[in-house]
Amino acid sequence: MVKTVTEQKKAKAGEKVGPGKYVCIDCGKSLEFTEAEQDLRKCPACACEMYDCFPMTHIREDVKTPEDAINPPKR
């Protein structure tokens, strides 16, 4: 299976975001969220409002839902 590189996702302060890592585009400070539907705030270091998004992903292709992560399918 070949994975292609896609355009980097961006998020703006004030948006509801899911779990993942958000890196400020100005200073590089990162914020990490483990729960869904969190409010993304302005960067605490420089007050920038734009972030690069690195959504939380799973290594195993058969783990697709939070329930699968708790009780992973047998191989």
N, C-alpha and C. Protein backbone atom coordinates (compact mmCIF):
# COMPACT_ATOMS: atom_id res chain seq x y z
N MET A 1 0.84 -1.18 0.00
CA MET A 1 0.00 0.00 0.00
C MET A 1 0.89 1.25 0.00
N VAL A 2 0.61 2.18 -0.87
CA VAL A 2 1.39 3.41 -0.99
C VAL A 2 0.55 4.56 -0.44
N LYS A 3 1.15 5.30 0.48
CA LYS A 3 0.47 6.47 1.04
C LYS A 3 1.01 7.71 0.35
N THR A 4 0.13 8.65 0.02
CA THR A 4 0.56 9.88 -0.63
C THR A 4 0.58 11.00 0.40
N VAL A 5 1.41 11.98 0.16
CA VAL A 5 1.49 13.15 1.04
C VAL A 5 0.38 14.10 0.64
N THR A 6 -0.40 14.53 1.62
CA THR A 6 -1.47 15.48 1.35
C THR A 6 -1.09 16.84 1.90
N GLU A 7 -1.83 17.84 1.48
CA GLU A 7 -1.57 19.19 1.94
C GLU A 7 -1.75 19.26 3.45
N GLN A 8 -0.89 19.99 4.13
CA GLN A 8 -0.94 20.12 5.58
C GLN A 8 -2.23 20.81 5.99
N LYS A 9 -2.92 20.24 6.98
CA LYS A 9 -4.16 20.84 7.46
C LYS A 9 -3.82 21.98 8.42
N LYS A 10 -4.67 22.98 8.41
CA LYS A 10 -4.51 24.15 9.29
C LYS A 10 -5.74 24.26 10.18
N ALA A 11 -5.56 24.86 11.33
CA ALA A 11 -6.67 25.13 12.24
C ALA A 11 -6.48 26.53 12.78
N LYS A 12 -7.59 27.18 13.10
CA LYS A 12 -7.56 28.55 13.61
C LYS A 12 -8.09 28.58 15.04
N ALA A 13 -7.52 29.44 15.85
CA ALA A 13 -7.98 29.60 17.23
C ALA A 13 -9.48 29.87 17.23
N GLY A 14 -10.18 29.27 18.17
CA GLY A 14 -11.63 29.40 18.27
C GLY A 14 -12.37 28.22 17.68
N GLU A 15 -11.69 27.40 16.85
CA GLU A 15 -12.33 26.22 16.27
C GLU A 15 -12.38 25.10 17.29
N LYS A 16 -13.39 24.23 17.15
CA LYS A 16 -13.46 23.00 17.94
C LYS A 16 -12.57 22.00 17.24
N VAL A 17 -11.64 21.39 17.97
CA VAL A 17 -10.70 20.45 17.37
C VAL A 17 -10.77 19.11 18.08
N GLY A 18 -10.30 18.09 17.38
CA GLY A 18 -10.26 16.75 17.93
C GLY A 18 -8.89 16.43 18.50
N PRO A 19 -8.70 15.18 18.92
CA PRO A 19 -7.42 14.80 19.49
C PRO A 19 -6.29 14.93 18.48
N GLY A 20 -5.14 15.35 18.94
CA GLY A 20 -3.98 15.49 18.08
C GLY A 20 -3.04 16.57 18.58
N LYS A 21 -2.07 16.87 17.75
CA LYS A 21 -1.06 17.88 18.08
C LYS A 21 -1.26 19.08 17.16
N TYR A 22 -1.19 20.28 17.71
CA TYR A 22 -1.38 21.52 16.97
C TYR A 22 -0.15 22.38 17.20
N VAL A 23 0.56 22.74 16.11
CA VAL A 23 1.81 23.48 16.20
C VAL A 23 1.61 24.89 15.63
N CYS A 24 1.95 25.90 16.43
CA CYS A 24 1.83 27.29 16.01
C CYS A 24 2.67 27.54 14.77
N ILE A 25 2.10 28.21 13.77
CA ILE A 25 2.83 28.45 12.53
C ILE A 25 3.86 29.57 12.69
N ASP A 26 3.75 30.40 13.72
CA ASP A 26 4.71 31.49 13.92
C ASP A 26 5.90 31.09 14.79
N CYS A 27 5.64 30.54 15.99
CA CYS A 27 6.75 30.27 16.92
C CYS A 27 7.06 28.79 17.10
N GLY A 28 6.18 27.90 16.64
CA GLY A 28 6.45 26.47 16.73
C GLY A 28 6.02 25.83 18.04
N LYS A 29 5.41 26.58 18.95
CA LYS A 29 4.93 25.99 20.20
C LYS A 29 3.81 25.00 19.88
N SER A 30 3.82 23.84 20.53
CA SER A 30 2.81 22.84 20.24
C SER A 30 1.85 22.66 21.41
N LEU A 31 0.60 22.40 21.06
CA LEU A 31 -0.45 22.06 22.03
C LEU A 31 -0.93 20.68 21.66
N GLU A 32 -1.18 19.83 22.66
CA GLU A 32 -1.68 18.49 22.39
C GLU A 32 -2.99 18.29 23.12
N PHE A 33 -3.96 17.71 22.41
CA PHE A 33 -5.26 17.40 22.98
C PHE A 33 -5.51 15.91 22.86
N THR A 34 -6.07 15.32 23.91
CA THR A 34 -6.38 13.89 23.88
C THR A 34 -7.88 13.65 23.78
N GLU A 35 -8.68 14.66 23.98
CA GLU A 35 -10.13 14.51 23.92
C GLU A 35 -10.70 15.30 22.75
N ALA A 36 -11.83 14.84 22.23
CA ALA A 36 -12.48 15.50 21.10
C ALA A 36 -13.22 16.76 21.56
N GLU A 37 -13.50 17.61 20.59
CA GLU A 37 -14.30 18.82 20.79
C GLU A 37 -13.71 19.77 21.83
N GLN A 38 -12.44 20.08 21.69
CA GLN A 38 -11.80 21.07 22.54
C GLN A 38 -11.72 22.38 21.78
N ASP A 39 -11.81 23.50 22.48
CA ASP A 39 -11.64 24.81 21.84
C ASP A 39 -10.16 25.09 21.70
N LEU A 40 -9.73 25.37 20.46
CA LEU A 40 -8.34 25.74 20.21
C LEU A 40 -8.18 27.21 20.55
N ARG A 41 -7.22 27.51 21.42
CA ARG A 41 -7.02 28.91 21.85
C ARG A 41 -5.82 29.53 21.13
N LYS A 42 -5.68 30.83 21.25
CA LYS A 42 -4.51 31.51 20.68
C LYS A 42 -3.26 30.94 21.32
N CYS A 43 -2.17 30.97 20.59
CA CYS A 43 -0.89 30.47 21.08
C CYS A 43 -0.53 31.20 22.38
N PRO A 44 -0.23 30.46 23.45
CA PRO A 44 0.13 31.12 24.71
C PRO A 44 1.48 31.83 24.65
N ALA A 45 2.32 31.49 23.67
CA ALA A 45 3.65 32.11 23.58
C ALA A 45 3.64 33.40 22.76
N CYS A 46 2.88 33.41 21.65
CA CYS A 46 2.97 34.58 20.75
C CYS A 46 1.62 35.13 20.31
N ALA A 47 0.52 34.55 20.77
CA ALA A 47 -0.84 34.98 20.46
C ALA A 47 -1.25 34.76 19.00
N CYS A 48 -0.47 33.97 18.26
CA CYS A 48 -0.85 33.63 16.88
C CYS A 48 -2.13 32.80 16.91
N GLU A 49 -2.93 32.88 15.85
CA GLU A 49 -4.20 32.15 15.80
C GLU A 49 -4.20 30.97 14.83
N MET A 50 -3.08 30.72 14.12
CA MET A 50 -3.06 29.63 13.14
C MET A 50 -2.11 28.52 13.58
N TYR A 51 -2.56 27.29 13.36
CA TYR A 51 -1.79 26.11 13.74
C TYR A 51 -1.75 25.12 12.58
N ASP A 52 -0.64 24.36 12.49
CA ASP A 52 -0.58 23.18 11.65
C ASP A 52 -1.15 22.04 12.47
N CYS A 53 -1.99 21.20 11.85
CA CYS A 53 -2.65 20.10 12.55
C CYS A 53 -1.97 18.78 12.27
N PHE A 54 -1.79 18.01 13.30
CA PHE A 54 -1.30 16.65 13.20
C PHE A 54 -2.29 15.77 13.96
N PRO A 55 -3.37 15.35 13.27
CA PRO A 55 -4.40 14.59 13.97
C PRO A 55 -3.85 13.27 14.50
N MET A 56 -4.47 12.82 15.59
CA MET A 56 -4.07 11.55 16.18
C MET A 56 -4.45 10.43 15.21
N THR A 57 -3.49 9.57 14.91
CA THR A 57 -3.74 8.44 14.01
C THR A 57 -3.32 7.15 14.68
N HIS A 58 -3.73 6.07 14.09
CA HIS A 58 -3.41 4.76 14.62
C HIS A 58 -2.44 4.06 13.68
N ILE A 59 -1.52 3.30 14.24
CA ILE A 59 -0.57 2.55 13.43
C ILE A 59 -1.27 1.38 12.75
N ARG A 60 -2.10 0.67 13.49
CA ARG A 60 -2.78 -0.49 12.93
C ARG A 60 -3.97 -0.05 12.08
N GLU A 61 -4.07 -0.57 10.88
CA GLU A 61 -5.16 -0.19 9.98
C GLU A 61 -6.51 -0.71 10.45
N ASP A 62 -6.53 -1.80 11.26
CA ASP A 62 -7.81 -2.36 11.71
C ASP A 62 -8.36 -1.65 12.95
N VAL A 63 -7.64 -0.67 13.49
CA VAL A 63 -8.12 0.13 14.61
C VAL A 63 -8.64 1.44 14.04
N LYS A 64 -9.97 1.54 13.99
CA LYS A 64 -10.58 2.69 13.33
C LYS A 64 -11.45 3.54 14.24
N THR A 65 -11.86 2.99 15.38
CA THR A 65 -12.74 3.73 16.28
C THR A 65 -12.16 3.73 17.69
N PRO A 66 -12.64 4.61 18.56
CA PRO A 66 -12.16 4.58 19.95
C PRO A 66 -12.42 3.23 20.63
N GLU A 67 -13.53 2.59 20.29
CA GLU A 67 -13.84 1.28 20.87
C GLU A 67 -12.82 0.24 20.42
N ASP A 68 -12.36 0.32 19.16
CA ASP A 68 -11.32 -0.59 18.66
C ASP A 68 -10.02 -0.38 19.43
N ALA A 69 -9.72 0.86 19.81
CA ALA A 69 -8.48 1.14 20.53
C ALA A 69 -8.53 0.54 21.94
N ILE A 70 -9.72 0.56 22.54
CA ILE A 70 -9.88 -0.02 23.88
C ILE A 70 -9.83 -1.55 23.81
N ASN A 71 -10.54 -2.12 22.82
CA ASN A 71 -10.58 -3.58 22.62
C ASN A 71 -10.14 -3.86 21.21
N PRO A 72 -8.82 -3.87 20.94
CA PRO A 72 -8.35 -4.05 19.55
C PRO A 72 -8.78 -5.39 18.96
N PRO A 73 -9.10 -5.40 17.65
CA PRO A 73 -9.46 -6.65 16.99
C PRO A 73 -8.29 -7.63 17.07
N LYS A 74 -8.62 -8.90 17.20
CA LYS A 74 -7.57 -9.93 17.24
C LYS A 74 -6.96 -10.09 15.88
N ARG A 75 -5.67 -10.36 15.83
CA ARG A 75 -4.96 -10.53 14.57
C ARG A 75 -5.03 -11.97 14.15
